Amino acid sequence: MVQLVFVDVDGTLVGKEGVPACVWPAVEALQSQGVRLSLITGRPGRGHALAYARRLDPMGLHVFESGAVVLAFSRDPHSPALHPLLV
C-alpha cells in the first residue's frame, strides 16, 4: 500500500486556471485511506506554496526550493508553527 505521495505544484497540483476543483476531494479521499501527502516544489516555502502544503498535510514534512529547504509543521502547540529541518 502507498503510504506517502509527494505532490509537485506547478503543472501538477496547479494548472493554468489554478487548482482544479477535483483536487481537494481527491486529497481528502487519500487522507481518509491513511495516505500522507507532502508538497515538493521549486518554489520558496511561503505564500501559495506554503498554503498548499498546509492543506495537503498540516502536520507533515514539505520540500521547497528544489530540496534546499525541508519544513516540518509543528505538532507541539507550544513550539513555533514550522521549523526548517534542512536548509
N, C-alpha and C. Protein backbone atom coordinates (compact mmCIF):
# COMPACT_ATOMS: atom_id res chain seq x y z
N MET A 1 0.83 -1.18 0.00
CA MET A 1 0.00 0.00 0.00
C MET A 1 0.88 1.25 0.00
N VAL A 2 0.49 2.23 -0.75
CA VAL A 2 1.20 3.51 -0.79
C VAL A 2 0.89 4.26 0.50
N GLN A 3 1.95 4.74 1.19
CA GLN A 3 1.75 5.47 2.44
C GLN A 3 2.08 6.96 2.33
N LEU A 4 2.86 7.33 1.29
CA LEU A 4 3.26 8.71 1.13
C LEU A 4 3.30 9.06 -0.35
N VAL A 5 2.73 10.21 -0.69
CA VAL A 5 2.75 10.71 -2.06
C VAL A 5 3.30 12.13 -2.03
N PHE A 6 4.35 12.38 -2.83
CA PHE A 6 4.87 13.73 -2.98
C PHE A 6 4.16 14.39 -4.15
N VAL A 7 3.71 15.62 -3.94
CA VAL A 7 2.93 16.33 -4.94
C VAL A 7 3.67 17.59 -5.36
N ASP A 8 3.97 17.70 -6.66
CA ASP A 8 4.59 18.89 -7.21
C ASP A 8 3.52 19.97 -7.36
N VAL A 9 3.95 21.22 -7.42
CA VAL A 9 3.00 22.33 -7.52
C VAL A 9 2.69 22.66 -8.97
N ASP A 10 3.63 23.28 -9.65
CA ASP A 10 3.38 23.82 -10.99
C ASP A 10 3.23 22.73 -12.03
N GLY A 11 2.06 22.70 -12.66
CA GLY A 11 1.78 21.72 -13.70
C GLY A 11 1.23 20.41 -13.17
N THR A 12 1.22 20.23 -11.85
CA THR A 12 0.67 19.01 -11.26
C THR A 12 -0.51 19.37 -10.36
N LEU A 13 -0.24 20.04 -9.25
CA LEU A 13 -1.31 20.47 -8.36
C LEU A 13 -2.01 21.70 -8.93
N VAL A 14 -1.23 22.60 -9.50
CA VAL A 14 -1.75 23.86 -10.03
C VAL A 14 -1.61 23.88 -11.54
N GLY A 15 -2.72 24.11 -12.23
CA GLY A 15 -2.71 24.22 -13.69
C GLY A 15 -2.85 25.67 -14.12
N LYS A 16 -3.18 25.87 -15.37
CA LYS A 16 -3.31 27.23 -15.92
C LYS A 16 -4.39 28.04 -15.21
N GLU A 17 -5.42 27.36 -14.74
CA GLU A 17 -6.55 28.04 -14.08
C GLU A 17 -6.50 27.91 -12.56
N GLY A 18 -5.37 27.56 -12.01
CA GLY A 18 -5.25 27.36 -10.57
C GLY A 18 -5.42 25.89 -10.21
N VAL A 19 -5.79 25.64 -8.97
CA VAL A 19 -6.00 24.26 -8.50
C VAL A 19 -7.39 23.81 -8.95
N PRO A 20 -7.48 22.73 -9.74
CA PRO A 20 -8.79 22.26 -10.18
C PRO A 20 -9.68 21.85 -9.00
N ALA A 21 -10.96 22.04 -9.15
CA ALA A 21 -11.93 21.74 -8.07
C ALA A 21 -11.88 20.29 -7.62
N CYS A 22 -11.48 19.38 -8.48
CA CYS A 22 -11.47 17.96 -8.14
C CYS A 22 -10.31 17.57 -7.23
N VAL A 23 -9.33 18.45 -7.07
CA VAL A 23 -8.12 18.10 -6.32
C VAL A 23 -8.40 17.88 -4.84
N TRP A 24 -9.06 18.83 -4.19
CA TRP A 24 -9.21 18.74 -2.74
C TRP A 24 -10.08 17.56 -2.30
N PRO A 25 -11.17 17.22 -3.00
CA PRO A 25 -11.88 15.99 -2.62
C PRO A 25 -11.01 14.74 -2.80
N ALA A 26 -10.17 14.71 -3.83
CA ALA A 26 -9.27 13.58 -4.03
C ALA A 26 -8.24 13.50 -2.90
N VAL A 27 -7.75 14.66 -2.48
CA VAL A 27 -6.81 14.71 -1.35
C VAL A 27 -7.48 14.14 -0.09
N GLU A 28 -8.70 14.58 0.18
CA GLU A 28 -9.42 14.09 1.35
C GLU A 28 -9.67 12.58 1.28
N ALA A 29 -9.95 12.07 0.09
CA ALA A 29 -10.17 10.63 -0.08
C ALA A 29 -8.89 9.86 0.23
N LEU A 30 -7.76 10.35 -0.24
CA LEU A 30 -6.48 9.69 0.06
C LEU A 30 -6.17 9.76 1.55
N GLN A 31 -6.39 10.92 2.15
CA GLN A 31 -6.12 11.06 3.58
C GLN A 31 -6.99 10.11 4.39
N SER A 32 -8.23 9.92 3.98
CA SER A 32 -9.13 9.02 4.72
C SER A 32 -8.67 7.56 4.63
N GLN A 33 -7.82 7.27 3.63
CA GLN A 33 -7.27 5.92 3.49
C GLN A 33 -5.90 5.80 4.15
N GLY A 34 -5.48 6.87 4.86
CA GLY A 34 -4.22 6.83 5.57
C GLY A 34 -3.00 7.22 4.75
N VAL A 35 -3.21 7.75 3.55
CA VAL A 35 -2.11 8.18 2.71
C VAL A 35 -1.68 9.58 3.14
N ARG A 36 -0.39 9.77 3.35
CA ARG A 36 0.16 11.09 3.68
C ARG A 36 0.54 11.78 2.38
N LEU A 37 0.37 13.09 2.32
CA LEU A 37 0.72 13.88 1.14
C LEU A 37 1.72 14.95 1.54
N SER A 38 2.78 15.07 0.78
CA SER A 38 3.79 16.09 1.02
C SER A 38 4.01 16.89 -0.24
N LEU A 39 4.12 18.18 -0.08
CA LEU A 39 4.40 19.07 -1.20
C LEU A 39 5.89 19.03 -1.50
N ILE A 40 6.22 19.04 -2.78
CA ILE A 40 7.62 19.15 -3.20
C ILE A 40 7.64 20.11 -4.38
N THR A 41 8.45 21.17 -4.25
CA THR A 41 8.39 22.23 -5.24
C THR A 41 9.70 23.00 -5.31
N GLY A 42 9.89 23.69 -6.40
CA GLY A 42 11.00 24.62 -6.54
C GLY A 42 10.68 25.97 -5.93
N ARG A 43 9.43 26.17 -5.59
CA ARG A 43 9.01 27.45 -5.00
C ARG A 43 9.54 27.59 -3.57
N PRO A 44 9.67 28.86 -3.10
CA PRO A 44 10.04 29.06 -1.70
C PRO A 44 8.89 28.66 -0.77
N GLY A 45 9.20 28.42 0.47
CA GLY A 45 8.21 27.97 1.46
C GLY A 45 7.42 29.10 2.06
N ARG A 46 6.73 29.83 1.23
CA ARG A 46 5.85 30.91 1.69
C ARG A 46 4.75 31.11 0.65
N GLY A 47 3.82 31.98 0.95
CA GLY A 47 2.75 32.30 0.00
C GLY A 47 1.88 31.11 -0.34
N HIS A 48 1.54 31.00 -1.61
CA HIS A 48 0.63 29.93 -2.05
C HIS A 48 1.22 28.55 -1.80
N ALA A 49 2.51 28.38 -2.02
CA ALA A 49 3.12 27.05 -1.82
C ALA A 49 2.97 26.61 -0.37
N LEU A 50 3.18 27.51 0.57
CA LEU A 50 3.03 27.17 1.98
C LEU A 50 1.57 26.83 2.30
N ALA A 51 0.65 27.57 1.72
CA ALA A 51 -0.78 27.29 1.94
C ALA A 51 -1.16 25.92 1.37
N TYR A 52 -0.64 25.58 0.20
CA TYR A 52 -0.92 24.26 -0.38
C TYR A 52 -0.37 23.16 0.52
N ALA A 53 0.83 23.36 1.03
CA ALA A 53 1.45 22.37 1.90
C ALA A 53 0.61 22.16 3.16
N ARG A 54 0.19 23.23 3.76
CA ARG A 54 -0.64 23.12 4.97
C ARG A 54 -1.95 22.39 4.68
N ARG A 55 -2.50 22.60 3.51
CA ARG A 55 -3.76 21.94 3.15
C ARG A 55 -3.54 20.45 2.85
N LEU A 56 -2.41 20.13 2.25
CA LEU A 56 -2.12 18.72 1.95
C LEU A 56 -1.87 17.93 3.23
N ASP A 57 -1.12 18.51 4.15
CA ASP A 57 -0.85 17.83 5.42
C ASP A 57 -0.36 18.85 6.44
N PRO A 58 -1.24 19.31 7.31
CA PRO A 58 -0.87 20.34 8.26
C PRO A 58 0.15 19.88 9.29
N MET A 59 0.43 18.59 9.37
CA MET A 59 1.43 18.08 10.31
C MET A 59 2.60 17.41 9.60
N GLY A 60 2.70 17.64 8.29
CA GLY A 60 3.68 16.89 7.50
C GLY A 60 5.00 17.59 7.27
N LEU A 61 5.83 16.90 6.52
CA LEU A 61 7.09 17.43 6.02
C LEU A 61 6.87 17.86 4.58
N HIS A 62 7.43 19.01 4.21
CA HIS A 62 7.24 19.53 2.86
C HIS A 62 8.57 20.07 2.34
N VAL A 63 8.81 19.89 1.06
CA VAL A 63 10.09 20.23 0.44
C VAL A 63 9.91 21.44 -0.47
N PHE A 64 10.75 22.46 -0.24
CA PHE A 64 10.69 23.70 -1.01
C PHE A 64 12.05 24.00 -1.62
N GLU A 65 12.06 24.93 -2.54
CA GLU A 65 13.28 25.41 -3.20
C GLU A 65 14.13 24.26 -3.75
N SER A 66 13.44 23.37 -4.46
CA SER A 66 14.07 22.22 -5.13
C SER A 66 14.91 21.37 -4.17
N GLY A 67 14.44 21.23 -2.95
CA GLY A 67 15.12 20.39 -1.98
C GLY A 67 16.05 21.14 -1.04
N ALA A 68 16.24 22.43 -1.26
CA ALA A 68 17.14 23.19 -0.40
C ALA A 68 16.55 23.41 0.99
N VAL A 69 15.23 23.39 1.10
CA VAL A 69 14.56 23.62 2.39
C VAL A 69 13.49 22.54 2.59
N VAL A 70 13.54 21.90 3.75
CA VAL A 70 12.51 20.96 4.16
C VAL A 70 11.90 21.52 5.43
N LEU A 71 10.59 21.77 5.39
CA LEU A 71 9.90 22.32 6.56
C LEU A 71 9.07 21.24 7.23
N ALA A 72 9.13 21.24 8.54
CA ALA A 72 8.29 20.34 9.35
C ALA A 72 7.29 21.22 10.08
N PHE A 73 6.02 20.98 9.86
CA PHE A 73 5.00 21.71 10.60
C PHE A 73 4.92 21.14 11.99
N SER A 74 4.81 22.00 12.96
CA SER A 74 4.87 21.61 14.37
C SER A 74 3.67 20.78 14.78
N ARG A 75 3.93 19.81 15.61
CA ARG A 75 2.85 19.03 16.23
C ARG A 75 2.64 19.47 17.67
N ASP A 76 3.57 20.26 18.19
CA ASP A 76 3.51 20.73 19.56
C ASP A 76 2.93 22.15 19.58
N PRO A 77 1.80 22.37 20.21
CA PRO A 77 1.19 23.70 20.20
C PRO A 77 2.04 24.77 20.89
N HIS A 78 3.07 24.36 21.64
CA HIS A 78 3.92 25.31 22.34
C HIS A 78 5.18 25.67 21.58
N SER A 79 5.39 25.05 20.43
CA SER A 79 6.58 25.35 19.63
C SER A 79 6.17 26.19 18.42
N PRO A 80 7.14 26.77 17.72
CA PRO A 80 6.80 27.56 16.52
C PRO A 80 5.99 26.74 15.53
N ALA A 81 5.22 27.42 14.71
CA ALA A 81 4.32 26.75 13.76
C ALA A 81 5.06 25.89 12.75
N LEU A 82 6.27 26.25 12.38
CA LEU A 82 7.06 25.42 11.48
C LEU A 82 8.52 25.72 11.72
N HIS A 83 9.36 24.76 11.38
CA HIS A 83 10.79 24.97 11.52
C HIS A 83 11.52 24.21 10.41
N PRO A 84 12.63 24.74 9.96
CA PRO A 84 13.36 24.04 8.90
C PRO A 84 14.08 22.82 9.45
N LEU A 85 14.00 21.72 8.74
CA LEU A 85 14.76 20.52 9.08
C LEU A 85 16.09 20.53 8.35
N LEU A 86 16.07 21.09 7.15
CA LEU A 86 17.26 21.09 6.32
C LEU A 86 17.27 22.38 5.54
N VAL A 87 18.35 23.10 5.66
CA VAL A 87 18.50 24.35 4.91
C VAL A 87 19.85 24.35 4.25
